[in-house]
N, C-alpha and C. Protein backbone atom coordinates (compact mmCIF):
# COMPACT_ATOMS: atom_id res chain seq x y z
N UNK A 1 -48.78 -9.32 -45.52
CA UNK A 1 -47.99 -10.29 -46.25
C UNK A 1 -46.65 -10.49 -45.53
N UNK A 2 -46.19 -11.70 -45.45
CA UNK A 2 -44.96 -11.99 -44.72
C UNK A 2 -43.73 -11.80 -45.61
N UNK A 3 -42.60 -11.59 -44.95
CA UNK A 3 -41.32 -11.41 -45.64
C UNK A 3 -40.73 -12.78 -45.95
N UNK A 4 -40.31 -13.00 -47.21
CA UNK A 4 -39.65 -14.28 -47.53
C UNK A 4 -38.39 -14.46 -46.67
N UNK A 5 -38.08 -15.70 -46.32
CA UNK A 5 -36.94 -15.98 -45.44
C UNK A 5 -35.64 -15.34 -45.91
N UNK A 6 -35.35 -15.42 -47.19
CA UNK A 6 -34.07 -14.91 -47.69
C UNK A 6 -34.01 -13.38 -47.66
N UNK A 7 -35.15 -12.73 -47.42
CA UNK A 7 -35.18 -11.27 -47.37
C UNK A 7 -35.36 -10.71 -45.95
N UNK A 8 -35.36 -11.57 -44.95
CA UNK A 8 -35.38 -11.09 -43.58
C UNK A 8 -34.16 -10.21 -43.36
N UNK A 9 -34.21 -9.28 -42.42
CA UNK A 9 -33.01 -8.49 -42.14
C UNK A 9 -31.90 -9.37 -41.58
N UNK A 10 -30.67 -9.07 -41.96
CA UNK A 10 -29.52 -9.83 -41.47
C UNK A 10 -29.37 -9.66 -39.96
N UNK A 11 -29.58 -8.44 -39.48
CA UNK A 11 -29.44 -8.15 -38.04
C UNK A 11 -30.80 -8.16 -37.37
N UNK A 12 -30.83 -8.54 -36.11
CA UNK A 12 -32.07 -8.52 -35.36
C UNK A 12 -32.49 -7.07 -35.12
N UNK A 13 -33.77 -6.87 -34.84
CA UNK A 13 -34.29 -5.52 -34.66
C UNK A 13 -33.77 -4.85 -33.39
N UNK A 14 -33.44 -5.65 -32.38
CA UNK A 14 -33.06 -5.08 -31.09
C UNK A 14 -31.56 -5.07 -30.82
N UNK A 15 -30.75 -5.50 -31.80
CA UNK A 15 -29.30 -5.55 -31.56
C UNK A 15 -28.54 -5.51 -32.87
N UNK A 16 -27.53 -4.66 -32.95
CA UNK A 16 -26.68 -4.63 -34.15
C UNK A 16 -25.59 -5.70 -34.09
N UNK A 17 -25.48 -6.41 -32.98
CA UNK A 17 -24.47 -7.46 -32.90
C UNK A 17 -25.07 -8.85 -33.12
N UNK A 18 -26.37 -9.00 -32.88
CA UNK A 18 -27.02 -10.29 -33.14
C UNK A 18 -27.51 -10.35 -34.57
N UNK A 19 -27.38 -11.53 -35.16
CA UNK A 19 -27.82 -11.73 -36.54
C UNK A 19 -28.89 -12.80 -36.60
N UNK A 20 -29.61 -12.81 -37.72
CA UNK A 20 -30.54 -13.90 -38.00
C UNK A 20 -29.81 -14.97 -38.79
N UNK A 21 -30.01 -16.21 -38.41
CA UNK A 21 -29.51 -17.35 -39.18
C UNK A 21 -30.71 -18.21 -39.55
N UNK A 22 -30.86 -18.49 -40.84
CA UNK A 22 -31.90 -19.39 -41.30
C UNK A 22 -31.26 -20.77 -41.44
N UNK A 23 -31.74 -21.71 -40.64
CA UNK A 23 -31.19 -23.07 -40.68
C UNK A 23 -31.72 -23.79 -41.91
N UNK A 24 -30.80 -24.39 -42.65
CA UNK A 24 -31.18 -25.21 -43.79
C UNK A 24 -31.01 -26.70 -43.46
N UNK A 25 -29.86 -27.06 -42.91
CA UNK A 25 -29.57 -28.45 -42.59
C UNK A 25 -29.24 -28.57 -41.10
N UNK A 26 -30.08 -29.27 -40.35
CA UNK A 26 -29.82 -29.43 -38.91
C UNK A 26 -28.63 -30.36 -38.63
N UNK A 27 -28.05 -30.18 -37.47
CA UNK A 27 -26.97 -31.04 -36.99
C UNK A 27 -27.43 -32.50 -37.01
N UNK A 28 -26.49 -33.36 -37.39
CA UNK A 28 -26.77 -34.79 -37.38
C UNK A 28 -27.42 -35.31 -38.65
N UNK A 29 -27.72 -34.45 -39.60
CA UNK A 29 -28.39 -34.86 -40.83
C UNK A 29 -27.38 -35.26 -41.91
N UNK A 30 -27.74 -36.23 -42.71
CA UNK A 30 -26.98 -36.60 -43.91
C UNK A 30 -27.53 -35.86 -45.12
N UNK A 31 -28.80 -35.51 -45.08
CA UNK A 31 -29.42 -34.81 -46.20
C UNK A 31 -29.00 -33.35 -46.21
N UNK A 32 -28.43 -32.87 -47.32
CA UNK A 32 -28.10 -31.46 -47.48
C UNK A 32 -29.33 -30.78 -48.05
N UNK A 33 -29.89 -29.88 -47.27
CA UNK A 33 -31.09 -29.15 -47.65
C UNK A 33 -30.72 -27.69 -47.86
N UNK A 34 -31.31 -27.06 -48.87
CA UNK A 34 -31.03 -25.65 -49.13
C UNK A 34 -32.34 -24.94 -49.49
N UNK A 35 -32.42 -23.68 -49.05
CA UNK A 35 -33.59 -22.86 -49.37
C UNK A 35 -33.52 -22.44 -50.82
N UNK A 36 -34.61 -22.61 -51.54
CA UNK A 36 -34.71 -22.22 -52.94
C UNK A 36 -35.63 -21.00 -53.01
N UNK A 37 -35.03 -19.77 -53.08
CA UNK A 37 -35.84 -18.56 -52.96
C UNK A 37 -36.89 -18.39 -54.07
N UNK A 38 -36.60 -18.85 -55.28
CA UNK A 38 -37.57 -18.68 -56.37
C UNK A 38 -38.86 -19.47 -56.11
N UNK A 39 -38.73 -20.60 -55.43
CA UNK A 39 -39.89 -21.42 -55.13
C UNK A 39 -40.41 -21.19 -53.72
N UNK A 40 -39.58 -20.62 -52.85
CA UNK A 40 -39.96 -20.38 -51.46
C UNK A 40 -40.03 -21.66 -50.65
N UNK A 41 -39.21 -22.65 -51.01
CA UNK A 41 -39.23 -23.94 -50.32
C UNK A 41 -37.80 -24.40 -50.02
N UNK A 42 -37.71 -25.41 -49.16
CA UNK A 42 -36.44 -26.06 -48.88
C UNK A 42 -36.36 -27.31 -49.75
N UNK A 43 -35.24 -27.44 -50.47
CA UNK A 43 -35.09 -28.56 -51.39
C UNK A 43 -33.90 -29.43 -50.99
N UNK A 44 -34.05 -30.72 -51.23
CA UNK A 44 -32.95 -31.64 -51.02
C UNK A 44 -31.92 -31.42 -52.12
N UNK A 45 -30.68 -31.12 -51.71
CA UNK A 45 -29.62 -30.84 -52.68
C UNK A 45 -28.62 -31.97 -52.78
N UNK A 46 -28.63 -32.89 -51.83
CA UNK A 46 -27.71 -34.01 -51.88
C UNK A 46 -27.75 -34.79 -50.59
N UNK A 47 -27.08 -35.94 -50.61
CA UNK A 47 -27.02 -36.80 -49.44
C UNK A 47 -25.55 -37.12 -49.19
N UNK A 48 -25.13 -36.91 -47.95
CA UNK A 48 -23.76 -37.23 -47.58
C UNK A 48 -23.57 -38.74 -47.54
N UNK A 49 -22.35 -39.20 -47.76
CA UNK A 49 -22.10 -40.64 -47.70
C UNK A 49 -22.38 -41.20 -46.30
N UNK A 50 -22.58 -42.50 -46.25
CA UNK A 50 -22.81 -43.19 -44.98
C UNK A 50 -21.71 -42.83 -43.99
N UNK A 51 -22.10 -42.51 -42.77
CA UNK A 51 -21.13 -42.17 -41.73
C UNK A 51 -20.81 -40.68 -41.65
N UNK A 52 -21.28 -39.88 -42.61
CA UNK A 52 -21.03 -38.43 -42.59
C UNK A 52 -22.33 -37.72 -42.22
N UNK A 53 -22.24 -36.76 -41.31
CA UNK A 53 -23.38 -35.93 -40.94
C UNK A 53 -22.88 -34.51 -40.68
N UNK A 54 -23.80 -33.56 -40.72
CA UNK A 54 -23.44 -32.19 -40.39
C UNK A 54 -23.16 -32.11 -38.89
N UNK A 55 -22.00 -31.51 -38.51
CA UNK A 55 -21.62 -31.48 -37.09
C UNK A 55 -22.42 -30.47 -36.27
N UNK A 56 -22.96 -29.47 -36.91
CA UNK A 56 -23.78 -28.43 -36.26
C UNK A 56 -24.81 -27.98 -37.28
N UNK A 57 -25.81 -27.24 -36.82
CA UNK A 57 -26.79 -26.69 -37.76
C UNK A 57 -26.06 -25.81 -38.76
N UNK A 58 -26.53 -25.86 -40.00
CA UNK A 58 -25.89 -25.13 -41.09
C UNK A 58 -26.97 -24.35 -41.83
N UNK A 59 -26.66 -23.10 -42.14
CA UNK A 59 -27.64 -22.29 -42.85
C UNK A 59 -27.02 -21.04 -43.43
N UNK A 60 -27.80 -19.97 -43.46
CA UNK A 60 -27.33 -18.74 -44.10
C UNK A 60 -27.84 -17.51 -43.36
N UNK A 61 -27.18 -16.38 -43.65
CA UNK A 61 -27.63 -15.09 -43.14
C UNK A 61 -28.50 -14.47 -44.24
N UNK A 62 -29.76 -14.18 -43.94
CA UNK A 62 -30.63 -13.59 -44.97
C UNK A 62 -30.16 -12.19 -45.35
N UNK A 63 -30.60 -11.75 -46.52
CA UNK A 63 -30.27 -10.42 -47.06
C UNK A 63 -28.77 -10.23 -47.27
N UNK A 64 -28.08 -11.34 -47.60
CA UNK A 64 -26.66 -11.27 -47.95
C UNK A 64 -26.44 -11.99 -49.27
N UNK A 65 -25.33 -11.66 -49.91
CA UNK A 65 -24.93 -12.32 -51.14
C UNK A 65 -23.42 -12.46 -51.12
N UNK A 66 -22.95 -13.70 -51.11
CA UNK A 66 -21.52 -13.98 -51.09
C UNK A 66 -20.98 -14.08 -52.51
N UNK A 67 -19.66 -14.19 -52.62
CA UNK A 67 -19.01 -14.25 -53.94
C UNK A 67 -19.48 -15.46 -54.75
N UNK A 68 -19.88 -16.54 -54.08
CA UNK A 68 -20.31 -17.74 -54.80
C UNK A 68 -21.74 -17.62 -55.34
N UNK A 69 -22.39 -16.48 -55.11
CA UNK A 69 -23.73 -16.25 -55.63
C UNK A 69 -24.85 -16.66 -54.68
N UNK A 70 -24.50 -17.21 -53.54
CA UNK A 70 -25.48 -17.62 -52.53
C UNK A 70 -25.36 -16.70 -51.32
N UNK A 71 -26.34 -16.74 -50.41
CA UNK A 71 -26.18 -15.99 -49.16
C UNK A 71 -24.98 -16.53 -48.38
N UNK A 72 -24.49 -15.72 -47.44
CA UNK A 72 -23.36 -16.14 -46.61
C UNK A 72 -23.72 -17.38 -45.80
N UNK A 73 -22.85 -18.37 -45.83
CA UNK A 73 -23.03 -19.61 -45.08
C UNK A 73 -22.69 -19.40 -43.61
N UNK A 74 -23.41 -20.12 -42.74
CA UNK A 74 -23.16 -20.05 -41.29
C UNK A 74 -23.21 -21.45 -40.70
N UNK A 75 -22.21 -21.77 -39.90
CA UNK A 75 -22.24 -22.96 -39.07
C UNK A 75 -22.63 -22.47 -37.68
N UNK A 76 -23.71 -23.01 -37.14
CA UNK A 76 -24.34 -22.48 -35.94
C UNK A 76 -24.21 -23.44 -34.77
N UNK A 77 -23.53 -23.00 -33.71
CA UNK A 77 -23.40 -23.80 -32.51
C UNK A 77 -24.61 -23.53 -31.61
N UNK A 78 -25.30 -24.59 -31.24
CA UNK A 78 -26.38 -24.49 -30.28
C UNK A 78 -26.55 -25.83 -29.60
N UNK A 79 -27.39 -25.89 -28.61
CA UNK A 79 -27.45 -27.06 -27.73
C UNK A 79 -28.02 -28.31 -28.39
N UNK A 80 -28.99 -28.15 -29.25
CA UNK A 80 -29.63 -29.29 -29.90
C UNK A 80 -30.02 -28.87 -31.32
N UNK A 81 -30.17 -29.82 -32.21
CA UNK A 81 -30.54 -29.48 -33.59
C UNK A 81 -31.90 -28.80 -33.65
N UNK A 82 -32.07 -27.92 -34.62
CA UNK A 82 -33.37 -27.29 -34.84
C UNK A 82 -34.03 -27.99 -36.03
N UNK A 83 -34.49 -27.24 -37.01
CA UNK A 83 -35.14 -27.82 -38.18
C UNK A 83 -34.97 -26.86 -39.35
N UNK A 84 -35.11 -27.37 -40.55
CA UNK A 84 -35.01 -26.53 -41.75
C UNK A 84 -36.07 -25.45 -41.69
N UNK A 85 -35.63 -24.20 -41.85
CA UNK A 85 -36.54 -23.07 -41.82
C UNK A 85 -36.58 -22.34 -40.50
N UNK A 86 -35.98 -22.90 -39.48
CA UNK A 86 -35.94 -22.24 -38.18
C UNK A 86 -35.03 -21.01 -38.27
N UNK A 87 -35.50 -19.88 -37.76
CA UNK A 87 -34.70 -18.66 -37.72
C UNK A 87 -34.18 -18.51 -36.30
N UNK A 88 -32.86 -18.40 -36.18
CA UNK A 88 -32.21 -18.36 -34.88
C UNK A 88 -31.45 -17.04 -34.74
N UNK A 89 -31.64 -16.36 -33.61
CA UNK A 89 -30.81 -15.20 -33.30
C UNK A 89 -29.47 -15.71 -32.80
N UNK A 90 -28.40 -15.14 -33.36
CA UNK A 90 -27.06 -15.66 -33.03
C UNK A 90 -26.05 -14.53 -32.99
N UNK A 91 -24.92 -14.83 -32.35
CA UNK A 91 -23.80 -13.88 -32.34
C UNK A 91 -22.64 -14.49 -33.11
N UNK A 92 -22.04 -13.67 -33.93
CA UNK A 92 -20.87 -14.12 -34.70
C UNK A 92 -19.67 -14.27 -33.77
N UNK A 93 -18.94 -15.36 -33.93
CA UNK A 93 -17.71 -15.56 -33.15
C UNK A 93 -16.49 -15.59 -34.05
N UNK A 94 -16.71 -15.67 -35.35
CA UNK A 94 -15.58 -15.71 -36.27
C UNK A 94 -16.00 -16.25 -37.62
N UNK A 95 -14.99 -16.60 -38.41
CA UNK A 95 -15.25 -17.14 -39.74
C UNK A 95 -14.05 -17.93 -40.21
N UNK A 96 -14.32 -18.82 -41.14
CA UNK A 96 -13.27 -19.50 -41.89
C UNK A 96 -13.29 -18.87 -43.28
N UNK A 97 -12.20 -18.21 -43.63
CA UNK A 97 -12.08 -17.66 -44.98
C UNK A 97 -11.61 -18.80 -45.88
N UNK A 98 -12.43 -19.11 -46.88
CA UNK A 98 -12.23 -20.32 -47.68
C UNK A 98 -12.23 -20.01 -49.17
N UNK A 99 -11.31 -20.64 -49.88
CA UNK A 99 -11.34 -20.66 -51.35
C UNK A 99 -11.87 -22.03 -51.77
N UNK A 100 -12.75 -22.00 -52.76
CA UNK A 100 -13.36 -23.24 -53.22
C UNK A 100 -13.20 -23.36 -54.72
N UNK A 101 -12.78 -24.55 -55.18
CA UNK A 101 -12.66 -24.80 -56.61
C UNK A 101 -14.04 -25.19 -57.15
N UNK A 102 -14.49 -24.49 -58.17
CA UNK A 102 -15.79 -24.76 -58.78
C UNK A 102 -15.66 -25.87 -59.82
N UNK A 103 -16.80 -26.35 -60.31
CA UNK A 103 -16.82 -27.42 -61.31
C UNK A 103 -16.05 -27.03 -62.58
N UNK A 104 -16.08 -25.75 -62.93
CA UNK A 104 -15.39 -25.30 -64.15
C UNK A 104 -13.90 -25.03 -63.91
N UNK A 105 -13.41 -25.30 -62.70
CA UNK A 105 -12.00 -25.10 -62.39
C UNK A 105 -11.67 -23.74 -61.81
N UNK A 106 -12.64 -22.83 -61.82
CA UNK A 106 -12.39 -21.50 -61.27
C UNK A 106 -12.34 -21.57 -59.74
N UNK A 107 -11.69 -20.57 -59.15
CA UNK A 107 -11.59 -20.48 -57.70
C UNK A 107 -12.47 -19.33 -57.22
N UNK A 108 -13.29 -19.60 -56.22
CA UNK A 108 -14.18 -18.58 -55.68
C UNK A 108 -14.11 -18.63 -54.15
N UNK A 109 -14.26 -17.46 -53.55
CA UNK A 109 -14.34 -17.41 -52.09
C UNK A 109 -15.70 -17.94 -51.66
N UNK A 110 -15.70 -18.77 -50.62
CA UNK A 110 -16.94 -19.31 -50.06
C UNK A 110 -16.76 -19.43 -48.56
N UNK A 111 -16.64 -18.26 -47.91
CA UNK A 111 -16.39 -18.20 -46.48
C UNK A 111 -17.53 -18.84 -45.69
N UNK A 112 -17.20 -19.35 -44.50
CA UNK A 112 -18.20 -19.90 -43.58
C UNK A 112 -18.13 -19.10 -42.29
N UNK A 113 -19.21 -18.40 -41.98
CA UNK A 113 -19.29 -17.71 -40.70
C UNK A 113 -19.52 -18.74 -39.60
N UNK A 114 -19.01 -18.45 -38.43
CA UNK A 114 -19.24 -19.30 -37.26
C UNK A 114 -20.02 -18.47 -36.25
N UNK A 115 -21.09 -19.03 -35.74
CA UNK A 115 -21.95 -18.28 -34.82
C UNK A 115 -22.43 -19.19 -33.71
N UNK A 116 -22.88 -18.57 -32.62
CA UNK A 116 -23.46 -19.26 -31.47
C UNK A 116 -24.86 -18.71 -31.27
N UNK A 117 -25.83 -19.61 -31.09
CA UNK A 117 -27.20 -19.17 -30.82
C UNK A 117 -27.20 -18.26 -29.59
N UNK A 118 -27.93 -17.16 -29.68
CA UNK A 118 -27.94 -16.17 -28.61
C UNK A 118 -28.41 -16.77 -27.29
N UNK A 119 -29.31 -17.75 -27.33
CA UNK A 119 -29.82 -18.33 -26.10
C UNK A 119 -29.24 -19.72 -25.83
N UNK A 120 -28.08 -20.02 -26.43
CA UNK A 120 -27.43 -21.31 -26.17
C UNK A 120 -27.00 -21.40 -24.71
N UNK A 121 -27.13 -22.56 -24.15
CA UNK A 121 -26.69 -22.76 -22.76
C UNK A 121 -25.30 -23.38 -22.73
N UNK A 122 -25.08 -24.40 -23.54
CA UNK A 122 -23.79 -25.10 -23.54
C UNK A 122 -22.65 -24.23 -24.08
N UNK A 123 -22.98 -23.35 -25.00
CA UNK A 123 -21.96 -22.54 -25.68
C UNK A 123 -22.01 -21.06 -25.29
N UNK A 124 -22.70 -20.74 -24.19
CA UNK A 124 -22.89 -19.33 -23.84
C UNK A 124 -21.59 -18.60 -23.54
N UNK A 125 -20.53 -19.32 -23.15
CA UNK A 125 -19.25 -18.69 -22.86
C UNK A 125 -18.36 -18.50 -24.08
N UNK A 126 -18.85 -18.91 -25.24
CA UNK A 126 -18.05 -18.76 -26.47
C UNK A 126 -18.42 -17.45 -27.14
N UNK A 127 -17.43 -16.56 -27.23
CA UNK A 127 -17.65 -15.24 -27.84
C UNK A 127 -16.69 -14.97 -29.00
N UNK A 128 -15.62 -15.73 -29.07
CA UNK A 128 -14.63 -15.56 -30.14
C UNK A 128 -14.21 -16.93 -30.66
N UNK A 129 -13.74 -16.97 -31.87
CA UNK A 129 -13.26 -18.21 -32.46
C UNK A 129 -12.15 -18.82 -31.62
N UNK A 130 -11.39 -17.97 -30.94
CA UNK A 130 -10.30 -18.45 -30.10
C UNK A 130 -10.80 -19.18 -28.85
N UNK A 131 -12.10 -19.05 -28.54
CA UNK A 131 -12.69 -19.80 -27.43
C UNK A 131 -12.94 -21.27 -27.80
N UNK A 132 -12.88 -21.58 -29.10
CA UNK A 132 -13.04 -22.96 -29.55
C UNK A 132 -11.69 -23.65 -29.50
N UNK A 133 -11.68 -24.93 -29.20
CA UNK A 133 -10.42 -25.66 -29.17
C UNK A 133 -9.87 -25.82 -30.59
N UNK A 134 -8.57 -25.94 -30.68
CA UNK A 134 -7.94 -26.18 -31.97
C UNK A 134 -8.44 -27.46 -32.61
N UNK A 135 -8.70 -28.46 -31.77
CA UNK A 135 -9.21 -29.74 -32.28
C UNK A 135 -10.60 -29.56 -32.89
N UNK A 136 -11.45 -28.79 -32.22
CA UNK A 136 -12.80 -28.56 -32.74
C UNK A 136 -12.74 -27.83 -34.08
N UNK A 137 -11.90 -26.81 -34.17
CA UNK A 137 -11.76 -26.07 -35.43
C UNK A 137 -11.22 -26.97 -36.54
N UNK A 138 -10.25 -27.81 -36.20
CA UNK A 138 -9.72 -28.75 -37.18
C UNK A 138 -10.82 -29.68 -37.69
N UNK A 139 -11.66 -30.19 -36.78
CA UNK A 139 -12.74 -31.09 -37.16
C UNK A 139 -13.77 -30.39 -38.05
N UNK A 140 -14.08 -29.13 -37.76
CA UNK A 140 -15.00 -28.36 -38.60
C UNK A 140 -14.41 -28.17 -39.99
N UNK A 141 -13.14 -27.79 -40.04
CA UNK A 141 -12.48 -27.62 -41.34
C UNK A 141 -12.44 -28.94 -42.10
N UNK A 142 -12.17 -30.03 -41.39
CA UNK A 142 -12.13 -31.35 -42.03
C UNK A 142 -13.51 -31.72 -42.59
N UNK A 143 -14.57 -31.40 -41.85
CA UNK A 143 -15.92 -31.68 -42.35
C UNK A 143 -16.14 -30.96 -43.67
N UNK A 144 -15.85 -29.65 -43.73
CA UNK A 144 -16.08 -28.91 -44.96
C UNK A 144 -15.23 -29.45 -46.10
N UNK A 145 -13.99 -29.80 -45.81
CA UNK A 145 -13.10 -30.36 -46.83
C UNK A 145 -13.65 -31.70 -47.34
N UNK A 146 -14.02 -32.57 -46.42
CA UNK A 146 -14.56 -33.88 -46.78
C UNK A 146 -15.86 -33.74 -47.55
N UNK A 147 -16.73 -32.86 -47.10
CA UNK A 147 -18.02 -32.64 -47.75
C UNK A 147 -17.82 -32.20 -49.20
N UNK A 148 -16.89 -31.28 -49.42
CA UNK A 148 -16.63 -30.81 -50.78
C UNK A 148 -15.93 -31.86 -51.62
N UNK A 149 -15.06 -32.62 -51.01
CA UNK A 149 -14.33 -33.68 -51.72
C UNK A 149 -15.29 -34.74 -52.26
N UNK A 150 -16.29 -35.10 -51.46
CA UNK A 150 -17.28 -36.10 -51.88
C UNK A 150 -18.02 -35.62 -53.12
N UNK A 151 -18.23 -34.31 -53.23
CA UNK A 151 -18.93 -33.75 -54.38
C UNK A 151 -17.97 -33.50 -55.56
N UNK A 152 -16.71 -33.87 -55.38
CA UNK A 152 -15.73 -33.65 -56.45
C UNK A 152 -15.08 -32.29 -56.38
N UNK A 153 -15.32 -31.55 -55.33
CA UNK A 153 -14.75 -30.21 -55.18
C UNK A 153 -13.56 -30.22 -54.25
N UNK A 154 -13.05 -29.02 -54.06
CA UNK A 154 -11.88 -28.87 -53.20
C UNK A 154 -11.95 -27.50 -52.54
N UNK A 155 -11.61 -27.45 -51.26
CA UNK A 155 -11.54 -26.16 -50.57
C UNK A 155 -10.16 -25.98 -49.94
N UNK A 156 -9.86 -24.73 -49.68
CA UNK A 156 -8.62 -24.40 -48.97
C UNK A 156 -8.98 -23.34 -47.94
N UNK A 157 -8.73 -23.65 -46.67
CA UNK A 157 -8.97 -22.66 -45.62
C UNK A 157 -7.80 -21.69 -45.63
N UNK A 158 -8.11 -20.43 -45.91
CA UNK A 158 -7.07 -19.40 -45.98
C UNK A 158 -6.73 -18.86 -44.59
N UNK A 159 -7.78 -18.57 -43.81
CA UNK A 159 -7.58 -17.99 -42.48
C UNK A 159 -8.74 -18.33 -41.57
N UNK A 160 -8.44 -18.40 -40.29
CA UNK A 160 -9.44 -18.40 -39.24
C UNK A 160 -9.45 -16.98 -38.69
N UNK A 161 -10.62 -16.34 -38.69
CA UNK A 161 -10.68 -14.94 -38.26
C UNK A 161 -11.70 -14.79 -37.14
N UNK A 162 -11.54 -13.74 -36.35
CA UNK A 162 -12.40 -13.48 -35.20
C UNK A 162 -13.70 -12.78 -35.56
N UNK A 163 -14.44 -12.42 -34.52
CA UNK A 163 -15.77 -11.84 -34.70
C UNK A 163 -15.74 -10.49 -35.42
N UNK A 164 -14.73 -9.68 -35.16
CA UNK A 164 -14.67 -8.37 -35.81
C UNK A 164 -14.58 -8.53 -37.33
N UNK A 165 -13.70 -9.40 -37.78
CA UNK A 165 -13.55 -9.65 -39.22
C UNK A 165 -14.81 -10.31 -39.77
N UNK A 166 -15.43 -11.20 -39.00
CA UNK A 166 -16.68 -11.85 -39.43
C UNK A 166 -17.77 -10.80 -39.67
N UNK A 167 -17.85 -9.80 -38.78
CA UNK A 167 -18.83 -8.73 -38.98
C UNK A 167 -18.50 -7.91 -40.23
N UNK A 168 -17.21 -7.75 -40.52
CA UNK A 168 -16.80 -7.04 -41.75
C UNK A 168 -17.23 -7.84 -42.98
N UNK A 169 -17.00 -9.17 -42.97
CA UNK A 169 -17.42 -10.01 -44.08
C UNK A 169 -18.94 -9.93 -44.27
N UNK A 170 -19.66 -9.91 -43.17
CA UNK A 170 -21.12 -9.80 -43.23
C UNK A 170 -21.51 -8.45 -43.84
N UNK A 171 -20.92 -7.37 -43.38
CA UNK A 171 -21.24 -6.03 -43.89
C UNK A 171 -20.99 -5.94 -45.39
N UNK A 172 -19.92 -6.57 -45.88
CA UNK A 172 -19.59 -6.55 -47.30
C UNK A 172 -20.59 -7.33 -48.14
N UNK A 173 -21.29 -8.29 -47.52
CA UNK A 173 -22.22 -9.14 -48.27
C UNK A 173 -23.67 -8.68 -48.19
N UNK A 174 -23.96 -7.64 -47.40
CA UNK A 174 -25.34 -7.18 -47.28
C UNK A 174 -25.87 -6.69 -48.62
N UNK A 175 -27.12 -7.04 -48.92
CA UNK A 175 -27.75 -6.57 -50.16
C UNK A 175 -28.89 -5.63 -49.86
């Protein structure tokens, strides 16, 4: 019997520094897709407005649980988009520590890990968040802000942190 995607190990079997990322929404997509563990399927959760697309593949680290009740979110840099359900070995380069306003007005942490596919060619020299340009980080933050704003939500980026802190956030979320 196979292991459900959300229960795969967070770390790869051959490395404590590489993680598994389950892609939910590929780069360039307007459709927000999310894995629904109770059904074992990927479901359409929403559609971004015209002109908005995901800038990179977006997914989660399996066997984790974040403060918002979902697995830890990951924005994944790689050479070309994959597909919903693709499991990618990746290295953490950092995270955006984020506070998000919920529908009921409460504030919850909803951090976004940043990772690079282990076999990426275009991004192989990126090992830390500081290797990304300030403009690129601003655009990523703007995407998350805009995405949440369209849904009536609001986020606040508290900090940009490096790979060491990203691994700490991951360790705290392991289930």
